[in-house]
Structure formats: structure tokens, C-alpha cells
């Protein structure tokens, strides 16, 4: 009995230590990203849609430019795009609905798939962070950190894998409210490549209907 109580007594300090390590890793990454103007990478995404029992794989390129520009352009399936142009958030899945693009106002409090804004900007105010362990991501050592939102952020929880040497995000897993899990691995990360503001514009294809939505 005493041994069990002793183990329970140790649980608090151990959990607190793991949380402190996780938050320190997030803040080191935030400092690294804060010194960069643009971050681009090739991505591989696995989308597990629990409700439909489907698993969808895709790939392409994503870029983030501070403070609020972002694009995710797919090569598989070709033509799909997600773009934040500083004012609006555009979602165009040409592979599913080539005749419609959704335009939403950009919510400054949320980054969504812009990983720097979502996970590294003031993480202490947004999440309870837990260090879960270490993995190898694309051949690199990475710390696996679970993030539980302190308030509604449009998803249940997330995990980020942070390179403890380069202080870069290598992988992100987002568990959405409907049970869908979005798992994105970043490869060939490029720091401050020559990407201009014009690259973060969405060009509406001819004949495509723009559907507007509320705040995101």
C-alpha cells in the first residue's frame, strides 16, 4: 500500500517536469521560427476519416510567411489548394469539387494549418503540453509533444514533433472534433527561400463559384 501511495506521490512532479520540458521545446521552436521570414517544406499528409472508414494520402508543398500568409499546394491530388492571403482563407479541393472554392475571413486568433501561428505563437496561453517521448521523423530525432487546448480551437487535440537540434517542426497530427485525424510530415524544410507575397495569392479559376463563410 505504501509503495502505491509513494508512486502516486511521485506522479505530480514527474508530470510537471514533462510539461515543463514540452513547453520549453515549444518555446525554443517559437524563438527559432520568430527569427525566420519564410519557412517552406514538402509535405506528406495522411487523412484518416473515421466516420467513413477511409484513409487518404496526399503530398505537395507548403509555405508560411510571417505574420499571416500561408499556402498548401498539392501535387497529389494535383490542383488542390489551401491559401491564407492575409485577409481571407481559401479552400479549393479541385479533386473533390472543381466548381467551388470556399472563402472564409482570416481569424487572427487561429492558425489552422499554419503551424507556426497555431502551435508556437504563445503556446502557454493555448495548451496544456505533455512530453510523450521521442521518435524518428524523416530520419531525424524528434520530440513528440501532445497539446490539449485550454479553450476551443476547432479540434480535440494535437501532437507536434519538434527537432531538438534544429528546433523545427517535423510532423503534426491533428485530431479533429468529428474524429478525423490529419497527420502531416514535413520533409526538405527550407528556411527563408525566395518566396514573395504574391505567391500567397489565390487565383480563382474561370467558372469556379466562390462560396463565402463566417469567421474561422
Protein backbone atom coordinates (compact mmCIF):
# COMPACT_ATOMS: atom_id res chain seq x y z
CA UNK A 1 0.00 0.00 0.00
CA UNK A 2 2.76 2.41 0.95
CA UNK A 3 4.54 1.67 -2.32
CA UNK A 4 1.40 2.56 -4.29
CA UNK A 5 0.96 5.80 -2.37
CA UNK A 6 4.59 6.63 -2.96
CA UNK A 7 4.19 6.12 -6.70
CA UNK A 8 1.12 8.35 -6.71
CA UNK A 9 3.03 10.99 -4.81
CA UNK A 10 5.75 10.98 -7.45
CA UNK A 11 3.28 11.30 -10.30
CA UNK A 12 2.70 15.01 -9.78
CA UNK A 13 6.36 16.11 -10.02
CA UNK A 14 7.00 13.78 -12.99
CA UNK A 15 4.01 15.13 -14.92
CA UNK A 16 5.02 18.70 -14.11
CA UNK A 17 8.55 18.01 -15.32
CA UNK A 18 7.29 16.52 -18.59
CA UNK A 19 5.03 19.52 -19.09
CA UNK A 20 7.91 21.93 -18.45
CA UNK A 21 10.15 20.08 -20.94
CA UNK A 22 7.41 20.10 -23.54
CA UNK A 23 6.72 23.82 -23.13
CA UNK A 24 10.45 24.62 -23.24
CA UNK A 25 10.76 22.75 -26.56
CA UNK A 26 7.78 24.65 -27.97
CA UNK A 27 9.20 28.00 -26.89
CA UNK A 28 12.63 27.20 -28.34
CA UNK A 29 10.94 26.38 -31.64
CA UNK A 30 8.90 29.58 -31.40
CA UNK A 31 12.10 31.58 -30.96
CA UNK A 32 13.67 29.86 -33.98
CA UNK A 33 10.64 30.47 -36.21
CA UNK A 34 10.39 34.02 -34.91
CA UNK A 35 13.77 34.77 -36.49
CA UNK A 36 12.68 33.48 -39.88
CA UNK A 37 10.66 35.31 -42.50
CA UNK A 38 9.58 32.31 -44.58
CA UNK A 39 9.55 28.56 -43.93
CA UNK A 40 8.70 26.11 -46.72
CA UNK A 41 8.69 22.32 -46.87
CA UNK A 42 7.48 19.37 -48.88
CA UNK A 43 4.66 17.59 -47.06
CA UNK A 44 3.10 14.16 -46.92
CA UNK A 45 -0.40 14.04 -45.46
CA UNK A 46 -2.44 11.09 -44.28
CA UNK A 47 -6.08 11.89 -43.58
CA UNK A 48 -7.96 9.22 -41.65
CA UNK A 49 -11.72 9.83 -41.89
CA UNK A 50 -13.14 7.66 -39.12
CA UNK A 51 -16.81 8.26 -39.94
CA UNK A 52 -16.32 6.93 -43.49
CA UNK A 53 -13.66 4.36 -42.69
CA UNK A 54 -11.36 5.99 -45.27
CA UNK A 55 -7.65 6.74 -45.41
CA UNK A 56 -6.50 9.35 -47.92
CA UNK A 57 -2.89 10.17 -48.75
CA UNK A 58 -1.64 13.32 -50.43
CA UNK A 59 1.52 15.39 -50.88
CA UNK A 60 2.73 18.76 -52.07
CA UNK A 61 4.43 21.94 -50.82
CA UNK A 62 3.54 24.29 -48.00
CA UNK A 63 4.97 27.68 -47.06
CA UNK A 64 4.41 30.07 -44.16
CA UNK A 65 5.43 33.71 -44.24
CA UNK A 66 5.09 35.89 -41.19
CA UNK A 67 2.83 37.15 -39.87
CA UNK A 68 -0.24 35.58 -41.52
CA UNK A 69 0.49 34.28 -45.02
CA UNK A 70 0.28 30.58 -45.78
CA UNK A 71 -0.25 28.17 -48.65
CA UNK A 72 -0.57 24.44 -49.02
CA UNK A 73 -0.49 23.40 -52.70
CA UNK A 74 -0.99 19.77 -53.59
CA UNK A 75 0.75 17.80 -56.30
CA UNK A 76 -1.20 14.66 -55.33
CA UNK A 77 -4.05 15.28 -55.97
CA UNK A 78 -2.94 17.95 -58.41
CA UNK A 79 -4.74 21.29 -58.19
CA UNK A 80 -5.95 21.22 -54.57
CA UNK A 81 -5.04 24.38 -52.62
CA UNK A 82 -5.39 25.92 -49.19
CA UNK A 83 -4.27 29.58 -49.04
CA UNK A 84 -4.24 32.32 -46.39
CA UNK A 85 -3.62 35.62 -48.20
CA UNK A 86 -3.59 37.87 -45.13
CA UNK A 87 -7.28 38.73 -45.41
CA UNK A 88 -9.07 35.53 -46.42
CA UNK A 89 -8.63 31.80 -46.05
CA UNK A 90 -9.31 29.94 -49.32
CA UNK A 91 -10.10 26.22 -49.53
CA UNK A 92 -10.19 24.70 -53.01
CA UNK A 93 -10.32 20.93 -53.35
CA UNK A 94 -10.43 20.63 -57.12
CA UNK A 95 -10.15 16.85 -56.87
CA UNK A 96 -13.48 16.72 -55.00
CA UNK A 97 -15.43 19.77 -56.18
CA UNK A 98 -13.70 21.57 -59.08
CA UNK A 99 -16.57 24.07 -59.48
CA UNK A 100 -16.45 25.58 -55.98
CA UNK A 101 -13.96 27.38 -53.71
CA UNK A 102 -14.73 28.33 -50.11
CA UNK A 103 -13.59 31.75 -48.88
CA UNK A 104 -13.51 32.48 -45.14
CA UNK A 105 -12.40 35.58 -43.24
CA UNK A 106 -8.99 35.08 -41.69
CA UNK A 107 -9.26 34.64 -37.93
CA UNK A 108 -6.18 36.27 -36.33
CA UNK A 109 -6.55 34.08 -33.22
CA UNK A 110 -6.15 30.80 -35.12
CA UNK A 111 -3.51 29.48 -37.47
CA UNK A 112 -5.11 26.22 -38.55
CA UNK A 113 -2.65 24.52 -40.88
CA UNK A 114 -0.22 27.42 -40.43
CA UNK A 115 1.74 25.51 -37.82
CA UNK A 116 3.79 28.43 -36.53
CA UNK A 117 0.74 30.58 -35.77
CA UNK A 118 -1.31 27.72 -34.40
CA UNK A 119 1.17 25.82 -32.25
CA UNK A 120 4.12 28.11 -31.50
CA UNK A 121 2.57 31.54 -31.01
CA UNK A 122 2.04 31.94 -27.23
CA UNK A 123 1.65 28.19 -26.55
CA UNK A 124 1.35 28.66 -22.76
CA UNK A 125 -1.87 30.58 -23.25
CA UNK A 126 -3.36 27.99 -25.61
CA UNK A 127 -2.38 24.49 -24.48
CA UNK A 128 -1.58 22.00 -21.80
CA UNK A 129 1.59 20.42 -23.21
CA UNK A 130 2.84 16.91 -22.37
CA UNK A 131 6.14 15.35 -23.42
CA UNK A 132 5.29 11.86 -24.69
CA UNK A 133 8.69 10.66 -25.89
CA UNK A 134 10.99 10.65 -28.91
CA UNK A 135 10.60 9.33 -32.46
CA UNK A 136 12.48 9.40 -35.73
CA UNK A 137 10.77 11.57 -38.35
CA UNK A 138 12.17 11.53 -41.88
CA UNK A 139 15.47 10.26 -40.45
CA UNK A 140 15.71 12.94 -37.75
CA UNK A 141 15.29 12.73 -33.99
CA UNK A 142 12.13 14.48 -32.85
CA UNK A 143 10.39 15.13 -29.52
CA UNK A 144 6.74 14.06 -29.53
CA UNK A 145 4.56 16.56 -27.66
CA UNK A 146 0.83 16.29 -27.04
CA UNK A 147 -1.17 19.53 -26.99
CA UNK A 148 -4.58 19.74 -25.32
CA UNK A 149 -6.33 23.08 -25.97
CA UNK A 150 -7.24 25.13 -22.89
CA UNK A 151 -10.18 26.57 -24.87
CA UNK A 152 -11.98 25.58 -28.07
CA UNK A 153 -9.66 25.76 -31.09
CA UNK A 154 -11.76 23.73 -33.51
CA UNK A 155 -10.13 20.36 -32.77
CA UNK A 156 -9.82 17.94 -29.86
CA UNK A 157 -6.06 17.69 -29.51
CA UNK A 158 -2.83 17.73 -31.46
CA UNK A 159 0.66 16.32 -31.45
CA UNK A 160 3.78 18.05 -32.75
CA UNK A 161 7.17 16.52 -33.35
CA UNK A 162 9.98 19.05 -32.80
CA UNK A 163 13.60 18.58 -33.85
CA UNK A 164 15.57 19.31 -30.63
CA UNK A 165 18.68 20.33 -32.57
CA UNK A 166 17.22 22.50 -35.34
CA UNK A 167 14.14 23.50 -33.28
CA UNK A 168 11.88 22.94 -36.29
CA UNK A 169 8.52 21.22 -36.56
CA UNK A 170 8.95 17.91 -38.39
CA UNK A 171 5.46 16.45 -38.06
CA UNK A 172 1.97 17.44 -36.90
CA UNK A 173 -1.04 15.31 -36.05
CA UNK A 174 -4.43 17.00 -35.50
CA UNK A 175 -7.39 15.09 -34.07
CA UNK A 176 -10.48 16.94 -35.23
CA UNK A 177 -13.82 17.13 -33.43
CA UNK A 178 -15.51 14.73 -35.86
CA UNK A 179 -12.89 12.03 -35.27
CA UNK A 180 -10.86 12.72 -38.42
CA UNK A 181 -7.10 12.61 -37.88
CA UNK A 182 -4.81 14.75 -40.07
CA UNK A 183 -1.16 13.60 -39.98
CA UNK A 184 1.37 15.78 -41.83
CA UNK A 185 5.08 15.03 -42.14
CA UNK A 186 7.43 17.79 -43.33
CA UNK A 187 10.48 17.00 -45.47
CA UNK A 188 13.17 19.11 -47.15
CA UNK A 189 12.47 22.09 -44.89
CA UNK A 190 13.70 25.35 -46.49
CA UNK A 191 14.43 28.42 -44.41
CA UNK A 192 13.91 31.89 -45.89
CA UNK A 193 13.64 30.77 -49.52
CA UNK A 194 12.89 33.46 -52.17
CA UNK A 195 9.10 33.42 -51.86
CA UNK A 196 7.25 36.71 -52.35
CA UNK A 197 3.91 37.94 -51.06
CA UNK A 198 2.38 37.35 -54.50
CA UNK A 199 2.95 33.62 -54.04
CA UNK A 200 0.36 33.67 -51.27
CA UNK A 201 -2.45 34.84 -53.53
CA UNK A 202 -5.29 32.58 -54.58
CA UNK A 203 -6.27 32.87 -58.23
CA UNK A 204 -9.88 31.91 -58.79
CA UNK A 205 -10.09 29.51 -61.75
CA UNK A 206 -12.51 30.52 -64.54
CA UNK A 207 -16.06 29.35 -63.93
CA UNK A 208 -15.49 28.47 -60.28
CA UNK A 209 -18.12 29.68 -57.78
CA UNK A 210 -16.89 31.41 -54.62
CA UNK A 211 -18.83 30.38 -51.51
CA UNK A 212 -18.29 32.67 -48.51
CA UNK A 213 -18.45 31.54 -44.91
CA UNK A 214 -18.43 33.03 -41.43
CA UNK A 215 -15.45 33.62 -39.15
CA UNK A 216 -12.95 30.81 -38.92
